[in-house]
Amino acid sequence: MQEALKDKIMEQLEEVEDPELGVDIVNLGLVYEVDIDDSKNVEVTMTLTSIGCPLAGEIVEDVKKKLAPLEEVNDVHVNITFNPPWSKDRMSRLAKIALNVTD
């Protein structure tokens, strides 16, 4: 059950774009972990492409807005971390193509 809910959450998170890059946070590799407790509270641990990202608040709010309609989710908390730091190696093939990033 939790794996199905995690899959649904990740699908919703694919709808959240990094406003500066125009690619979703899942394919950018910004989402590190999704935890769901017994009360259906969700904690999304994620990072940003840079520590001083001026749109951090907007991205966090977008995450909450995308997960709020899910009936299986009670509350959403977003934990921003920079450990480990983000790098282009975390990006999916799709994101690398979209941003013209080479390995």
PDB file of N, CA and C in Angstrom:
ATOM      1  N   MET A   1       0.826  -1.198   0.000  1.00  0.00           N
ATOM      2  CA  MET A   1       0.000   0.000   0.000  1.00  0.00           C
ATOM      3  C   MET A   1       0.867   1.258   0.000  1.00  0.00           C
ATOM      4  N   GLN A   2       1.899   1.274   0.861  1.00  0.00           N
ATOM      5  CA  GLN A   2       2.741   2.469   0.920  1.00  0.00           C
ATOM      6  C   GLN A   2       3.521   2.667  -0.373  1.00  0.00           C
ATOM      7  N   GLU A   3       3.930   1.584  -1.015  1.00  0.00           N
ATOM      8  CA  GLU A   3       4.663   1.727  -2.282  1.00  0.00           C
ATOM      9  C   GLU A   3       3.760   2.330  -3.347  1.00  0.00           C
ATOM     10  N   ALA A   4       2.503   1.914  -3.381  1.00  0.00           N
ATOM     11  CA  ALA A   4       1.554   2.476  -4.351  1.00  0.00           C
ATOM     12  C   ALA A   4       1.341   3.959  -4.083  1.00  0.00           C
ATOM     13  N   LEU A   5       1.249   4.325  -2.812  1.00  0.00           N
ATOM     14  CA  LEU A   5       1.077   5.735  -2.462  1.00  0.00           C
ATOM     15  C   LEU A   5       2.343   6.524  -2.802  1.00  0.00           C
ATOM     16  N   LYS A   6       3.505   5.950  -2.545  1.00  0.00           N
ATOM     17  CA  LYS A   6       4.757   6.632  -2.911  1.00  0.00           C
ATOM     18  C   LYS A   6       4.821   6.875  -4.417  1.00  0.00           C
ATOM     19  N   ASP A   7       4.394   5.875  -5.190  1.00  0.00           N
ATOM     20  CA  ASP A   7       4.379   6.035  -6.648  1.00  0.00           C
ATOM     21  C   ASP A   7       3.452   7.173  -7.058  1.00  0.00           C
ATOM     22  N   LYS A   8       2.296   7.241  -6.420  1.00  0.00           N
ATOM     23  CA  LYS A   8       1.327   8.297  -6.714  1.00  0.00           C
ATOM     24  C   LYS A   8       1.899   9.671  -6.344  1.00  0.00           C
ATOM     25  N   ILE A   9       2.583   9.732  -5.215  1.00  0.00           N
ATOM     26  CA  ILE A   9       3.215  10.983  -4.771  1.00  0.00           C
ATOM     27  C   ILE A   9       4.292  11.408  -5.766  1.00  0.00           C
ATOM     28  N   MET A  10       5.118  10.462  -6.199  1.00  0.00           N
ATOM     29  CA  MET A  10       6.175  10.798  -7.156  1.00  0.00           C
ATOM     30  C   MET A  10       5.584  11.283  -8.479  1.00  0.00           C
ATOM     31  N   GLU A  11       4.469  10.686  -8.899  1.00  0.00           N
ATOM     32  CA  GLU A  11       3.792  11.151 -10.114  1.00  0.00           C
ATOM     33  C   GLU A  11       3.352  12.599  -9.956  1.00  0.00           C
ATOM     34  N   GLN A  12       2.813  12.928  -8.793  1.00  0.00           N
ATOM     35  CA  GLN A  12       2.381  14.306  -8.542  1.00  0.00           C
ATOM     36  C   GLN A  12       3.582  15.253  -8.510  1.00  0.00           C
ATOM     37  N   LEU A  13       4.679  14.796  -7.931  1.00  0.00           N
ATOM     38  CA  LEU A  13       5.872  15.639  -7.847  1.00  0.00           C
ATOM     39  C   LEU A  13       6.486  15.898  -9.222  1.00  0.00           C
ATOM     40  N   GLU A  14       6.214  15.012 -10.178  1.00  0.00           N
ATOM     41  CA  GLU A  14       6.673  15.249 -11.547  1.00  0.00           C
ATOM     42  C   GLU A  14       5.952  16.438 -12.183  1.00  0.00           C
ATOM     43  N   GLU A  15       4.902  16.913 -11.530  1.00  0.00           N
ATOM     44  CA  GLU A  15       4.160  18.088 -12.008  1.00  0.00           C
ATOM     45  C   GLU A  15       4.747  19.393 -11.459  1.00  0.00           C
ATOM     46  N   VAL A  16       5.708  19.282 -10.541  1.00  0.00           N
ATOM     47  CA  VAL A  16       6.318  20.470  -9.929  1.00  0.00           C
ATOM     48  C   VAL A  16       7.589  20.812 -10.698  1.00  0.00           C
ATOM     49  N   GLU A  17       7.570  21.953 -11.360  1.00  0.00           N
ATOM     50  CA  GLU A  17       8.739  22.373 -12.139  1.00  0.00           C
ATOM     51  C   GLU A  17       9.626  23.313 -11.345  1.00  0.00           C
ATOM     52  N   ASP A  18      10.916  23.198 -11.584  1.00  0.00           N
ATOM     53  CA  ASP A  18      11.849  24.215 -11.113  1.00  0.00           C
ATOM     54  C   ASP A  18      11.619  25.414 -12.029  1.00  0.00           C
ATOM     55  N   PRO A  19      11.136  26.536 -11.491  1.00  0.00           N
ATOM     56  CA  PRO A  19      10.772  27.673 -12.341  1.00  0.00           C
ATOM     57  C   PRO A  19      11.931  28.246 -13.160  1.00  0.00           C
ATOM     58  N   GLU A  20      13.134  28.093 -12.672  1.00  0.00           N
ATOM     59  CA  GLU A  20      14.291  28.621 -13.405  1.00  0.00           C
ATOM     60  C   GLU A  20      14.702  27.725 -14.566  1.00  0.00           C
ATOM     61  N   LEU A  21      14.526  26.414 -14.396  1.00  0.00           N
ATOM     62  CA  LEU A  21      15.009  25.470 -15.401  1.00  0.00           C
ATOM     63  C   LEU A  21      13.905  24.908 -16.288  1.00  0.00           C
ATOM     64  N   GLY A  22      12.652  24.950 -15.826  1.00  0.00           N
ATOM     65  CA  GLY A  22      11.542  24.445 -16.626  1.00  0.00           C
ATOM     66  C   GLY A  22      11.482  22.935 -16.718  1.00  0.00           C
ATOM     67  N   VAL A  23      12.119  22.244 -15.786  1.00  0.00           N
ATOM     68  CA  VAL A  23      12.109  20.783 -15.720  1.00  0.00           C
ATOM     69  C   VAL A  23      11.610  20.401 -14.336  1.00  0.00           C
ATOM     70  N   ASP A  24      10.880  19.281 -14.260  1.00  0.00           N
ATOM     71  CA  ASP A  24      10.304  18.898 -12.968  1.00  0.00           C
ATOM     72  C   ASP A  24      11.365  18.447 -11.964  1.00  0.00           C
ATOM     73  N   ILE A  25      11.001  18.565 -10.689  1.00  0.00           N
ATOM     74  CA  ILE A  25      11.945  18.299  -9.602  1.00  0.00           C
ATOM     75  C   ILE A  25      12.340  16.830  -9.484  1.00  0.00           C
ATOM     76  N   VAL A  26      11.491  15.923  -9.976  1.00  0.00           N
ATOM     77  CA  VAL A  26      11.839  14.499  -9.928  1.00  0.00           C
ATOM     78  C   VAL A  26      12.927  14.200 -10.955  1.00  0.00           C
ATOM     79  N   ASN A  27      12.724  14.632 -12.193  1.00  0.00           N
ATOM     80  CA  ASN A  27      13.721  14.372 -13.236  1.00  0.00           C
ATOM     81  C   ASN A  27      15.012  15.147 -13.026  1.00  0.00           C
ATOM     82  N   LEU A  28      14.931  16.263 -12.319  1.00  0.00           N
ATOM     83  CA  LEU A  28      16.158  16.986 -11.968  1.00  0.00           C
ATOM     84  C   LEU A  28      16.942  16.266 -10.876  1.00  0.00           C
ATOM     85  N   GLY A  29      16.300  15.312 -10.198  1.00  0.00           N
ATOM     86  CA  GLY A  29      16.972  14.595  -9.115  1.00  0.00           C
ATOM     87  C   GLY A  29      16.974  15.363  -7.813  1.00  0.00           C
ATOM     88  N   LEU A  30      16.016  16.274  -7.655  1.00  0.00           N
ATOM     89  CA  LEU A  30      15.963  17.087  -6.436  1.00  0.00           C
ATOM     90  C   LEU A  30      15.267  16.373  -5.280  1.00  0.00           C
ATOM     91  N   VAL A  31      14.433  15.379  -5.585  1.00  0.00           N
ATOM     92  CA  VAL A  31      13.714  14.649  -4.533  1.00  0.00           C
ATOM     93  C   VAL A  31      14.592  13.495  -4.061  1.00  0.00           C
ATOM     94  N   TYR A  32      14.988  13.552  -2.792  1.00  0.00           N
ATOM     95  CA  TYR A  32      15.855  12.519  -2.226  1.00  0.00           C
ATOM     96  C   TYR A  32      15.059  11.382  -1.594  1.00  0.00           C
ATOM     97  N   GLU A  33      13.964  11.721  -0.923  1.00  0.00           N
ATOM     98  CA  GLU A  33      13.233  10.692  -0.187  1.00  0.00           C
ATOM     99  C   GLU A  33      11.806  11.143   0.070  1.00  0.00           C
ATOM    100  N   VAL A  34      10.896  10.168   0.091  1.00  0.00           N
ATOM    101  CA  VAL A  34       9.509  10.406   0.486  1.00  0.00           C
ATOM    102  C   VAL A  34       9.190   9.415   1.593  1.00  0.00           C
ATOM    103  N   ASP A  35       8.840   9.933   2.764  1.00  0.00           N
ATOM    104  CA  ASP A  35       8.474   9.088   3.904  1.00  0.00           C
ATOM    105  C   ASP A  35       7.007   9.296   4.233  1.00  0.00           C
ATOM    106  N   ILE A  36       6.327   8.204   4.563  1.00  0.00           N
ATOM    107  CA  ILE A  36       4.917   8.259   4.941  1.00  0.00           C
ATOM    108  C   ILE A  36       4.781   7.565   6.285  1.00  0.00           C
ATOM    109  N   ASP A  37       4.206   8.270   7.270  1.00  0.00           N
ATOM    110  CA  ASP A  37       4.024   7.632   8.576  1.00  0.00           C
ATOM    111  C   ASP A  37       2.658   6.947   8.646  1.00  0.00           C
ATOM    112  N   ASP A  38       2.366   6.315   9.777  1.00  0.00           N
ATOM    113  CA  ASP A  38       1.125   5.558   9.938  1.00  0.00           C
ATOM    114  C   ASP A  38      -0.122   6.426   9.879  1.00  0.00           C
ATOM    115  N   SER A  39       0.032   7.720  10.112  1.00  0.00           N
ATOM    116  CA  SER A  39      -1.105   8.647  10.052  1.00  0.00           C
ATOM    117  C   SER A  39      -1.246   9.290   8.677  1.00  0.00           C
ATOM    118  N   LYS A  40      -0.501   8.767   7.712  1.00  0.00           N
ATOM    119  CA  LYS A  40      -0.535   9.272   6.331  1.00  0.00           C
ATOM    120  C   LYS A  40       0.031  10.681   6.193  1.00  0.00           C
ATOM    121  N   ASN A  41       0.906  11.056   7.117  1.00  0.00           N
ATOM    122  CA  ASN A  41       1.641  12.308   6.987  1.00  0.00           C
ATOM    123  C   ASN A  41       2.847  12.029   6.098  1.00  0.00           C
ATOM    124  N   VAL A  42       3.110  12.937   5.188  1.00  0.00           N
ATOM    125  CA  VAL A  42       4.172  12.742   4.204  1.00  0.00           C
ATOM    126  C   VAL A  42       5.292  13.744   4.452  1.00  0.00           C
ATOM    127  N   GLU A  43       6.520  13.248   4.434  1.00  0.00           N
ATOM    128  CA  GLU A  43       7.688  14.116   4.505  1.00  0.00           C
ATOM    129  C   GLU A  43       8.490  13.922   3.225  1.00  0.00           C
ATOM    130  N   VAL A  44       8.644  15.011   2.486  1.00  0.00           N
ATOM    131  CA  VAL A  44       9.436  15.002   1.263  1.00  0.00           C
ATOM    132  C   VAL A  44      10.780  15.641   1.594  1.00  0.00           C
ATOM    133  N   THR A  45      11.849  14.862   1.463  1.00  0.00           N
ATOM    134  CA  THR A  45      13.194  15.396   1.657  1.00  0.00           C
ATOM    135  C   THR A  45      13.766  15.656   0.277  1.00  0.00           C
ATOM    136  N   MET A  46      14.138  16.907   0.064  1.00  0.00           N
ATOM    137  CA  MET A  46      14.616  17.299  -1.258  1.00  0.00           C
ATOM    138  C   MET A  46      15.694  18.357  -1.134  1.00  0.00           C
ATOM    139  N   THR A  47      16.299  18.661  -2.246  1.00  0.00           N
ATOM    140  CA  THR A  47      17.316  19.694  -2.297  1.00  0.00           C
ATOM    141  C   THR A  47      16.948  20.692  -3.373  1.00  0.00           C
ATOM    142  N   LEU A  48      17.798  21.651  -3.563  1.00  0.00           N
ATOM    143  CA  LEU A  48      17.639  22.650  -4.611  1.00  0.00           C
ATOM    144  C   LEU A  48      18.925  22.667  -5.425  1.00  0.00           C
ATOM    145  N   THR A  49      18.872  23.253  -6.605  1.00  0.00           N
ATOM    146  CA  THR A  49      20.067  23.257  -7.452  1.00  0.00           C
ATOM    147  C   THR A  49      21.165  24.154  -6.905  1.00  0.00           C
ATOM    148  N   SER A  50      20.784  25.111  -6.042  1.00  0.00           N
ATOM    149  CA  SER A  50      21.792  25.962  -5.402  1.00  0.00           C
ATOM    150  C   SER A  50      21.305  26.386  -4.021  1.00  0.00           C
ATOM    151  N   ILE A  51      22.228  26.622  -3.118  1.00  0.00           N
ATOM    152  CA  ILE A  51      21.884  26.991  -1.746  1.00  0.00           C
ATOM    153  C   ILE A  51      21.094  28.289  -1.696  1.00  0.00           C
ATOM    154  N   GLY A  52      21.438  29.246  -2.514  1.00  0.00           N
ATOM    155  CA  GLY A  52      20.763  30.544  -2.482  1.00  0.00           C
ATOM    156  C   GLY A  52      19.595  30.649  -3.439  1.00  0.00           C
ATOM    157  N   CYS A  53      18.969  29.540  -3.777  1.00  0.00           N
ATOM    158  CA  CYS A  53      17.868  29.540  -4.746  1.00  0.00           C
ATOM    159  C   CYS A  53      16.780  30.525  -4.312  1.00  0.00           C
ATOM    160  N   PRO A  54      16.536  31.570  -5.109  1.00  0.00           N
ATOM    161  CA  PRO A  54      15.555  32.578  -4.726  1.00  0.00           C
ATOM    162  C   PRO A  54      14.110  32.081  -4.812  1.00  0.00           C
ATOM    163  N   LEU A  55      13.895  30.946  -5.463  1.00  0.00           N
ATOM    164  CA  LEU A  55      12.540  30.431  -5.644  1.00  0.00           C
ATOM    165  C   LEU A  55      12.245  29.229  -4.750  1.00  0.00           C
ATOM    166  N   ALA A  56      13.052  29.026  -3.721  1.00  0.00           N
ATOM    167  CA  ALA A  56      12.876  27.879  -2.824  1.00  0.00           C
ATOM    168  C   ALA A  56      11.474  27.841  -2.234  1.00  0.00           C
ATOM    169  N   GLY A  57      10.989  28.970  -1.738  1.00  0.00           N
ATOM    170  CA  GLY A  57       9.659  29.017  -1.134  1.00  0.00           C
ATOM    171  C   GLY A  57       8.568  28.650  -2.113  1.00  0.00           C
ATOM    172  N   GLU A  58       8.714  29.092  -3.353  1.00  0.00           N
ATOM    173  CA  GLU A  58       7.728  28.781  -4.393  1.00  0.00           C
ATOM    174  C   GLU A  58       7.708  27.282  -4.694  1.00  0.00           C
ATOM    175  N   ILE A  59       8.874  26.671  -4.768  1.00  0.00           N
ATOM    176  CA  ILE A  59       8.954  25.236  -5.041  1.00  0.00           C
ATOM    177  C   ILE A  59       8.328  24.441  -3.902  1.00  0.00           C
ATOM    178  N   VAL A  60       8.623  24.806  -2.659  1.00  0.00           N
ATOM    179  CA  VAL A  60       8.050  24.120  -1.494  1.00  0.00           C
ATOM    180  C   VAL A  60       6.526  24.234  -1.519  1.00  0.00           C
ATOM    181  N   GLU A  61       6.005  25.407  -1.801  1.00  0.00           N
ATOM    182  CA  GLU A  61       4.548  25.597  -1.866  1.00  0.00           C
ATOM    183  C   GLU A  61       3.939  24.783  -2.997  1.00  0.00           C
ATOM    184  N   ASP A  62       4.621  24.711  -4.139  1.00  0.00           N
ATOM    185  CA  ASP A  62       4.127  23.907  -5.257  1.00  0.00           C
ATOM    186  C   ASP A  62       4.058  22.428  -4.884  1.00  0.00           C
ATOM    187  N   VAL A  63       5.052  21.937  -4.151  1.00  0.00           N
ATOM    188  CA  VAL A  63       5.038  20.542  -3.690  1.00  0.00           C
ATOM    189  C   VAL A  63       3.800  20.303  -2.832  1.00  0.00           C
ATOM    190  N   LYS A  64       3.558  21.176  -1.876  1.00  0.00           N
ATOM    191  CA  LYS A  64       2.405  21.022  -0.984  1.00  0.00           C
ATOM    192  C   LYS A  64       1.092  21.087  -1.757  1.00  0.00           C
ATOM    193  N   LYS A  65       0.993  21.994  -2.711  1.00  0.00           N
ATOM    194  CA  LYS A  65      -0.235  22.140  -3.507  1.00  0.00           C
ATOM    195  C   LYS A  65      -0.509  20.903  -4.355  1.00  0.00           C
ATOM    196  N   LYS A  66       0.521  20.305  -4.902  1.00  0.00           N
ATOM    197  CA  LYS A  66       0.341  19.114  -5.742  1.00  0.00           C
ATOM    198  C   LYS A  66      -0.049  17.888  -4.925  1.00  0.00           C
ATOM    199  N   LEU A  67       0.404  17.815  -3.677  1.00  0.00           N
ATOM    200  CA  LEU A  67       0.097  16.639  -2.857  1.00  0.00           C
ATOM    201  C   LEU A  67      -1.190  16.800  -2.056  1.00  0.00           C
ATOM    202  N   ALA A  68      -1.622  18.021  -1.827  1.00  0.00           N
ATOM    203  CA  ALA A  68      -2.822  18.280  -1.016  1.00  0.00           C
ATOM    204  C   ALA A  68      -4.076  17.574  -1.530  1.00  0.00           C
ATOM    205  N   PRO A  69      -4.320  17.494  -2.842  1.00  0.00           N
ATOM    206  CA  PRO A  69      -5.552  16.848  -3.315  1.00  0.00           C
ATOM    207  C   PRO A  69      -5.599  15.330  -3.121  1.00  0.00           C
ATOM    208  N   LEU A  70      -4.474  14.710  -2.821  1.00  0.00           N
ATOM    209  CA  LEU A  70      -4.465  13.251  -2.645  1.00  0.00           C
ATOM    210  C   LEU A  70      -5.211  12.880  -1.366  1.00  0.00           C
ATOM    211  N   GLU A  71      -6.285  12.129  -1.506  1.00  0.00           N
ATOM    212  CA  GLU A  71      -7.103  11.740  -0.351  1.00  0.00           C
ATOM    213  C   GLU A  71      -6.327  10.883   0.639  1.00  0.00           C
ATOM    214  N   GLU A  72      -5.344  10.147   0.141  1.00  0.00           N
ATOM    215  CA  GLU A  72      -4.572   9.241   0.998  1.00  0.00           C
ATOM    216  C   GLU A  72      -3.531   9.966   1.835  1.00  0.00           C
ATOM    217  N   VAL A  73      -3.386  11.277   1.623  1.00  0.00           N
ATOM    218  CA  VAL A  73      -2.363  12.056   2.320  1.00  0.00           C
ATOM    219  C   VAL A  73      -3.021  12.983   3.323  1.00  0.00           C
ATOM    220  N   ASN A  74      -2.536  12.949   4.560  1.00  0.00           N
ATOM    221  CA  ASN A  74      -3.072  13.802   5.611  1.00  0.00           C
ATOM    222  C   ASN A  74      -2.387  15.164   5.611  1.00  0.00           C
ATOM    223  N   ASP A  75      -1.088  15.179   5.855  1.00  0.00           N
ATOM    224  CA  ASP A  75      -0.331  16.424   5.953  1.00  0.00           C
ATOM    225  C   ASP A  75       0.978  16.257   5.186  1.00  0.00           C
ATOM    226  N   VAL A  76       1.524  17.368   4.706  1.00  0.00           N
ATOM    227  CA  VAL A  76       2.767  17.331   3.931  1.00  0.00           C
ATOM    228  C   VAL A  76       3.785  18.262   4.570  1.00  0.00           C
ATOM    229  N   HIS A  77       4.977  17.734   4.782  1.00  0.00           N
ATOM    230  CA  HIS A  77       6.096  18.544   5.268  1.00  0.00           C
ATOM    231  C   HIS A  77       7.225  18.399   4.251  1.00  0.00           C
ATOM    232  N   VAL A  78       7.838  19.521   3.894  1.00  0.00           N
ATOM    233  CA  VAL A  78       8.959  19.496   2.956  1.00  0.00           C
ATOM    234  C   VAL A  78      10.224  19.873   3.713  1.00  0.00           C
ATOM    235  N   ASN A  79      11.193  18.979   3.669  1.00  0.00           N
ATOM    236  CA  ASN A  79      12.473  19.178   4.331  1.00  0.00           C
ATOM    237  C   ASN A  79      13.525  19.465   3.259  1.00  0.00           C
ATOM    238  N   ILE A  80      14.075  20.676   3.276  1.00  0.00           N
ATOM    239  CA  ILE A  80      15.133  21.040   2.326  1.00  0.00           C
ATOM    240  C   ILE A  80      16.485  20.718   2.952  1.00  0.00           C
ATOM    241  N   THR A  81      17.305  19.992   2.206  1.00  0.00           N
ATOM    242  CA  THR A  81      18.639  19.636   2.672  1.00  0.00           C
ATOM    243  C   THR A  81      19.653  19.899   1.558  1.00  0.00           C
ATOM    244  N   PHE A  82      20.865  20.127   1.948  1.00  0.00           N
ATOM    245  CA  PHE A  82      21.937  20.276   0.962  1.00  0.00           C
ATOM    246  C   PHE A  82      23.020  19.225   1.182  1.00  0.00           C
ATOM    247  N   ASN A  83      22.646  18.164   1.884  1.00  0.00           N
ATOM    248  CA  ASN A  83      23.551  17.069   2.147  1.00  0.00           C
ATOM    249  C   ASN A  83      22.880  15.766   1.738  1.00  0.00           C
ATOM    250  N   PRO A  84      23.284  15.123   0.694  1.00  0.00           N
ATOM    251  CA  PRO A  84      24.403  15.476  -0.167  1.00  0.00           C
ATOM    252  C   PRO A  84      24.041  16.623  -1.110  1.00  0.00           C
ATOM    253  N   PRO A  85      25.051  17.348  -1.548  1.00  0.00           N
ATOM    254  CA  PRO A  85      24.777  18.440  -2.480  1.00  0.00           C
ATOM    255  C   PRO A  85      24.293  17.898  -3.825  1.00  0.00           C
ATOM    256  N   TRP A  86      23.433  18.661  -4.465  1.00  0.00           N
ATOM    257  CA  TRP A  86      22.925  18.276  -5.772  1.00  0.00           C
ATOM    258  C   TRP A  86      24.014  18.433  -6.830  1.00  0.00           C
ATOM    259  N   SER A  87      24.006  17.542  -7.803  1.00  0.00           N
ATOM    260  CA  SER A  87      24.888  17.675  -8.965  1.00  0.00           C
ATOM    261  C   SER A  87      24.127  17.182 -10.189  1.00  0.00           C
ATOM    262  N   LYS A  88      24.621  17.498 -11.359  1.00  0.00           N
ATOM    263  CA  LYS A  88      23.948  17.096 -12.595  1.00  0.00           C
ATOM    264  C   LYS A  88      23.890  15.573 -12.747  1.00  0.00           C
ATOM    265  N   ASP A  89      24.711  14.852 -12.002  1.00  0.00           N
ATOM    266  CA  ASP A  89      24.691  13.391 -12.046  1.00  0.00           C
ATOM    267  C   ASP A  89      23.369  12.822 -11.542  1.00  0.00           C
ATOM    268  N   ARG A  90      22.627  13.600 -10.765  1.00  0.00           N
ATOM    269  CA  ARG A  90      21.345  13.147 -10.219  1.00  0.00           C
ATOM    270  C   ARG A  90      20.212  13.291 -11.241  1.00  0.00           C
ATOM    271  N   MET A  91      20.460  14.012 -12.319  1.00  0.00           N
ATOM    272  CA  MET A  91      19.432  14.268 -13.322  1.00  0.00           C
ATOM    273  C   MET A  91      19.126  13.015 -14.135  1.00  0.00           C
ATOM    274  N   SER A  92      17.856  12.864 -14.513  1.00  0.00           N
ATOM    275  CA  SER A  92      17.473  11.769 -15.396  1.00  0.00           C
ATOM    276  C   SER A  92      17.950  12.066 -16.815  1.00  0.00           C
ATOM    277  N   ARG A  93      17.919  11.060 -17.631  1.00  0.00           N
ATOM    278  CA  ARG A  93      18.295  11.223 -19.040  1.00  0.00           C
ATOM    279  C   ARG A  93      17.398  12.270 -19.695  1.00  0.00           C
ATOM    280  N   LEU A  94      16.110  12.228 -19.378  1.00  0.00           N
ATOM    281  CA  LEU A  94      15.141  13.181 -19.926  1.00  0.00           C
ATOM    282  C   LEU A  94      15.521  14.620 -19.585  1.00  0.00           C
ATOM    283  N   ALA A  95      15.870  14.861 -18.326  1.00  0.00           N
ATOM    284  CA  ALA A  95      16.246  16.210 -17.892  1.00  0.00           C
ATOM    285  C   ALA A  95      17.527  16.661 -18.585  1.00  0.00           C
ATOM    286  N   LYS A  96      18.477  15.745 -18.727  1.00  0.00           N
ATOM    287  CA  LYS A  96      19.736  16.100 -19.393  1.00  0.00           C
ATOM    288  C   LYS A  96      19.501  16.483 -20.851  1.00  0.00           C
ATOM    289  N   ILE A  97      18.608  15.757 -21.518  1.00  0.00           N
ATOM    290  CA  ILE A  97      18.282  16.089 -22.906  1.00  0.00           C
ATOM    291  C   ILE A  97      17.592  17.445 -22.969  1.00  0.00           C
ATOM    292  N   ALA A  98      16.622  17.666 -22.082  1.00  0.00           N
ATOM    293  CA  ALA A  98      15.861  18.921 -22.078  1.00  0.00           C
ATOM    294  C   ALA A  98      16.751  20.131 -21.842  1.00  0.00           C
ATOM    295  N   LEU A  99      17.773  19.955 -21.022  1.00  0.00           N
ATOM    296  CA  LEU A  99      18.656  21.072 -20.678  1.00  0.00           C
ATOM    297  C   LEU A  99      19.974  21.059 -21.451  1.00  0.00           C
ATOM    298  N   ASN A 100      20.089  20.102 -22.388  1.00  0.00           N
ATOM    299  CA  ASN A 100      21.291  19.993 -23.209  1.00  0.00           C
ATOM    300  C   ASN A 100      22.550  19.824 -22.351  1.00  0.00           C
ATOM    301  N   VAL A 101      22.446  18.930 -21.374  1.00  0.00           N
ATOM    302  CA  VAL A 101      23.566  18.641 -20.470  1.00  0.00           C
ATOM    303  C   VAL A 101      24.249  17.363 -20.944  1.00  0.00           C
ATOM    304  N   THR A 102      25.554  17.418 -21.056  1.00  0.00           N
ATOM    305  CA  THR A 102      26.310  16.227 -21.439  1.00  0.00           C
ATOM    306  C   THR A 102      27.029  15.664 -20.219  1.00  0.00           C
ATOM    307  N   ASP A 103      27.285  14.368 -20.268  1.00  0.00           N
ATOM    308  CA  ASP A 103      27.966  13.713 -19.140  1.00  0.00           C
ATOM    309  C   ASP A 103      29.425  14.028 -19.089  1.00  0.00           C
TER     310      ASP A 103
END
